[in-house]
C-alpha atoms as a PDB file:
ATOM      1  CA  MET A   1      76.406 -18.691 -63.788  1.00  0.00           C
ATOM      2  CA  ASP A   2      75.932 -16.205 -66.606  1.00  0.00           C
ATOM      3  CA  LEU A   3      75.304 -12.497 -66.057  1.00  0.00           C
ATOM      4  CA  GLY A   4      71.760 -12.638 -67.472  1.00  0.00           C
ATOM      5  CA  ALA A   5      70.725 -15.311 -64.983  1.00  0.00           C
ATOM      6  CA  LEU A   6      72.333 -13.367 -62.150  1.00  0.00           C
ATOM      7  CA  ASN A   7      70.462 -10.181 -63.098  1.00  0.00           C
ATOM      8  CA  LYS A   8      67.180 -12.106 -63.304  1.00  0.00           C
ATOM      9  CA  VAL A   9      67.702 -13.387 -59.766  1.00  0.00           C
ATOM     10  CA  ARG A  10      68.693  -9.928 -58.546  1.00  0.00           C
ATOM     11  CA  SER A  11      65.462  -8.491 -59.942  1.00  0.00           C
ATOM     12  CA  LEU A  12      63.541 -10.829 -57.621  1.00  0.00           C
ATOM     13  CA  ASN A  13      65.256  -9.258 -54.606  1.00  0.00           C
ATOM     14  CA  TYR A  14      63.469  -5.930 -54.880  1.00  0.00           C
ATOM     15  CA  ILE A  15      62.949  -5.645 -51.120  1.00  0.00           C
ATOM     16  CA  SER A  16      66.220  -4.953 -49.371  1.00  0.00           C
ATOM     17  CA  ALA A  17      66.991  -6.300 -45.944  1.00  0.00           C
ATOM     18  CA  SER A  18      67.168  -2.741 -44.639  1.00  0.00           C
ATOM     19  CA  GLU A  19      63.440  -2.366 -45.358  1.00  0.00           C
ATOM     20  CA  GLY A  20      62.607  -4.878 -42.668  1.00  0.00           C
ATOM     21  CA  TRP A  21      61.304  -8.386 -43.036  1.00  0.00           C
ATOM     22  CA  ARG A  22      60.727 -10.759 -45.942  1.00  0.00           C
ATOM     23  CA  PHE A  23      58.298 -13.631 -46.399  1.00  0.00           C
ATOM     24  CA  LEU A  24      61.115 -16.087 -47.034  1.00  0.00           C
ATOM     25  CA  THR A  25      64.047 -16.569 -44.704  1.00  0.00           C
ATOM     26  CA  ASN A  26      67.533 -16.299 -46.121  1.00  0.00           C
ATOM     27  CA  HIS A  27      67.870 -20.055 -45.641  1.00  0.00           C
ATOM     28  CA  ALA A  28      64.835 -20.617 -47.878  1.00  0.00           C
ATOM     29  CA  ARG A  29      66.167 -18.161 -50.442  1.00  0.00           C
ATOM     30  CA  VAL A  30      69.518 -19.984 -50.579  1.00  0.00           C
ATOM     31  CA  LEU A  31      67.752 -23.343 -51.010  1.00  0.00           C
ATOM     32  CA  LEU A  32      65.595 -21.899 -53.776  1.00  0.00           C
ATOM     33  CA  PHE A  33      68.691 -20.481 -55.455  1.00  0.00           C
ATOM     34  CA  PHE A  34      70.571 -23.802 -55.233  1.00  0.00           C
ATOM     35  CA  ASP A  35      67.647 -25.595 -56.827  1.00  0.00           C
ATOM     36  CA  ARG A  36      68.185 -23.598 -60.029  1.00  0.00           C
ATOM     37  CA  HIS A  37      71.920 -22.898 -59.786  1.00  0.00           C
ATOM     38  CA  LYS A  38      73.773 -25.972 -58.606  1.00  0.00           C
ATOM     39  CA  ARG A  39      77.321 -24.947 -59.601  1.00  0.00           C
ATOM     40  CA  VAL A  40      78.005 -21.581 -58.037  1.00  0.00           C
ATOM     41  CA  THR A  41      80.533 -19.795 -55.909  1.00  0.00           C
ATOM     42  CA  ILE A  42      79.804 -18.205 -52.553  1.00  0.00           C
ATOM     43  CA  ARG A  43      80.352 -14.841 -54.241  1.00  0.00           C
ATOM     44  CA  GLU A  44      77.680 -15.558 -56.886  1.00  0.00           C
ATOM     45  CA  VAL A  45      75.170 -16.550 -54.204  1.00  0.00           C
ATOM     46  CA  SER A  46      76.078 -13.475 -52.185  1.00  0.00           C
ATOM     47  CA  ASP A  47      75.681 -11.146 -55.172  1.00  0.00           C
ATOM     48  CA  ALA A  48      72.481 -12.732 -56.439  1.00  0.00           C
ATOM     49  CA  LEU A  49      70.712 -12.731 -53.075  1.00  0.00           C
ATOM     50  CA  ASP A  50      72.200  -9.486 -51.755  1.00  0.00           C
ATOM     51  CA  LEU A  51      73.684 -11.233 -48.722  1.00  0.00           C
ATOM     52  CA  ALA A  52      77.119 -10.828 -47.182  1.00  0.00           C
ATOM     53  CA  GLU A  53      79.516 -13.654 -48.014  1.00  0.00           C
ATOM     54  CA  PRO A  54      79.998 -14.631 -44.330  1.00  0.00           C
ATOM     55  CA  SER A  55      76.207 -14.913 -44.010  1.00  0.00           C
ATOM     56  CA  VAL A  56      76.041 -17.152 -47.081  1.00  0.00           C
ATOM     57  CA  ARG A  57      78.810 -19.366 -45.673  1.00  0.00           C
ATOM     58  CA  ARG A  58      77.003 -19.644 -42.331  1.00  0.00           C
ATOM     59  CA  ILE A  59      73.664 -20.464 -44.000  1.00  0.00           C
ATOM     60  CA  ILE A  60      75.260 -23.112 -46.236  1.00  0.00           C
ATOM     61  CA  SER A  61      77.011 -24.614 -43.227  1.00  0.00           C
ATOM     62  CA  GLN A  62      73.743 -24.753 -41.269  1.00  0.00           C
ATOM     63  CA  LEU A  63      71.824 -26.226 -44.205  1.00  0.00           C
ATOM     64  CA  SER A  64      74.567 -28.816 -44.724  1.00  0.00           C
ATOM     65  CA  GLU A  65      74.755 -29.774 -41.037  1.00  0.00           C
ATOM     66  CA  ALA A  66      70.964 -30.201 -40.931  1.00  0.00           C
ATOM     67  CA  GLY A  67      71.046 -32.407 -44.051  1.00  0.00           C
ATOM     68  CA  TYR A  68      69.215 -30.059 -46.427  1.00  0.00           C
ATOM     69  CA  VAL A  69      72.171 -29.456 -48.753  1.00  0.00           C
ATOM     70  CA  LYS A  70      75.003 -31.681 -49.868  1.00  0.00           C
ATOM     71  CA  LYS A  71      78.099 -29.927 -51.172  1.00  0.00           C
ATOM     72  CA  ARG A  72      80.956 -31.324 -53.172  1.00  0.00           C
ATOM     73  CA  LEU A  73      83.775 -29.840 -55.202  1.00  0.00           C
ATOM     74  CA  GLU A  74      83.477 -30.492 -58.925  1.00  0.00           C
ATOM     75  CA  ARG A  75      85.975 -29.034 -61.390  1.00  0.00           C
ATOM     76  CA  GLY A  76      87.010 -26.336 -58.943  1.00  0.00           C
ATOM     77  CA  VAL A  77      83.463 -25.135 -58.256  1.00  0.00           C
ATOM     78  CA  ASN A  78      81.131 -26.199 -55.481  1.00  0.00           C
ATOM     79  CA  LEU A  79      78.157 -28.282 -56.538  1.00  0.00           C
ATOM     80  CA  TYR A  80      75.150 -27.958 -54.235  1.00  0.00           C
ATOM     81  CA  VAL A  81      72.428 -30.595 -54.214  1.00  0.00           C
ATOM     82  CA  ILE A  82      69.251 -30.186 -52.181  1.00  0.00           C
ATOM     83  CA  SER A  83      67.948 -33.122 -50.173  1.00  0.00           C
ATOM     84  CA  ALA A  84      64.439 -32.657 -51.518  1.00  0.00           C
ATOM     85  CA  LYS A  85      62.748 -35.146 -49.188  1.00  0.00           C
ATOM     86  CA  MET A  86      63.844 -33.355 -46.034  1.00  0.00           C
ATOM     87  CA  PRO A  87      60.889 -31.953 -44.066  1.00  0.00           C
ATOM     88  CA  MET A  88      60.184 -28.275 -43.619  1.00  0.00           C
ATOM     89  CA  ARG A  89      61.602 -26.919 -40.359  1.00  0.00           C
ATOM     90  CA  SER A  90      58.287 -25.911 -38.905  1.00  0.00           C
ATOM     91  CA  ARG A  91      55.971 -27.708 -36.541  1.00  0.00           C
ATOM     92  CA  GLU A  92      52.989 -26.986 -38.799  1.00  0.00           C
ATOM     93  CA  LEU A  93      54.754 -28.136 -41.971  1.00  0.00           C
ATOM     94  CA  SER A  94      56.957 -30.934 -40.650  1.00  0.00           C
ATOM     95  CA  GLN A  95      55.160 -33.479 -42.872  1.00  0.00           C
ATOM     96  CA  VAL A  96      55.846 -31.433 -46.019  1.00  0.00           C
ATOM     97  CA  PRO A  97      59.119 -32.013 -47.879  1.00  0.00           C
ATOM     98  CA  VAL A  98      61.070 -28.910 -48.898  1.00  0.00           C
ATOM     99  CA  SER A  99      60.642 -29.919 -52.548  1.00  0.00           C
ATOM    100  CA  VAL A 100      56.925 -29.053 -52.372  1.00  0.00           C
ATOM    101  CA  ILE A 101      57.640 -25.463 -51.374  1.00  0.00           C
ATOM    102  CA  ILE A 102      60.561 -25.086 -53.778  1.00  0.00           C
ATOM    103  CA  ASN A 103      58.541 -26.445 -56.710  1.00  0.00           C
ATOM    104  CA  ALA A 104      55.562 -24.221 -55.887  1.00  0.00           C
ATOM    105  CA  LEU A 105      57.745 -21.110 -55.721  1.00  0.00           C
ATOM    106  CA  HIS A 106      59.512 -21.953 -58.993  1.00  0.00           C
ATOM    107  CA  LYS A 107      56.166 -22.557 -60.692  1.00  0.00           C
ATOM    108  CA  ALA A 108      54.900 -19.186 -59.482  1.00  0.00           C
ATOM    109  CA  LEU A 109      58.112 -17.420 -60.569  1.00  0.00           C
ATOM    110  CA  ASP A 110      58.049 -19.086 -63.987  1.00  0.00           C
ATOM    111  CA  SER A 111      54.422 -18.125 -64.635  1.00  0.00           C
ATOM    112  CA  THR A 112      55.036 -14.559 -63.468  1.00  0.00           C
ATOM    113  CA  GLN A 113      58.067 -14.193 -65.734  1.00  0.00           C
ATOM    114  CA  ARG A 114      56.138 -15.630 -68.722  1.00  0.00           C
ATOM    115  CA  SER A 115      53.277 -13.180 -68.204  1.00  0.00           C
ATOM    116  CA  ASP A 116      55.758 -10.272 -68.046  1.00  0.00           C
ATOM    117  CA  ASN A 117      57.015 -11.064 -71.568  1.00  0.00           C
END
């Protein structure tokens, strides 16, 4: 991942974890990140999302075990693919695939970034 893309992602993390809660869980943030950045290292995810590397490893492991992310090694770098048809992990949203939320958030981010230019 190039430095410009990393800085763009970092700019979206303007609320630090020490300030309390966020609207999106770290699991959702990792999924959202993987949707745009499929070939990344744990360190890049950690830096971009301002999460400790052990936390990123644990989240990826949990997402993989639950079937939300498939990981494979490709040319020395992990490739992460989201299982887009998996349901949201919420009783209220269990009929909604994760792709709906991910696409909506990307659309909102894209339109916000276009209006900032």
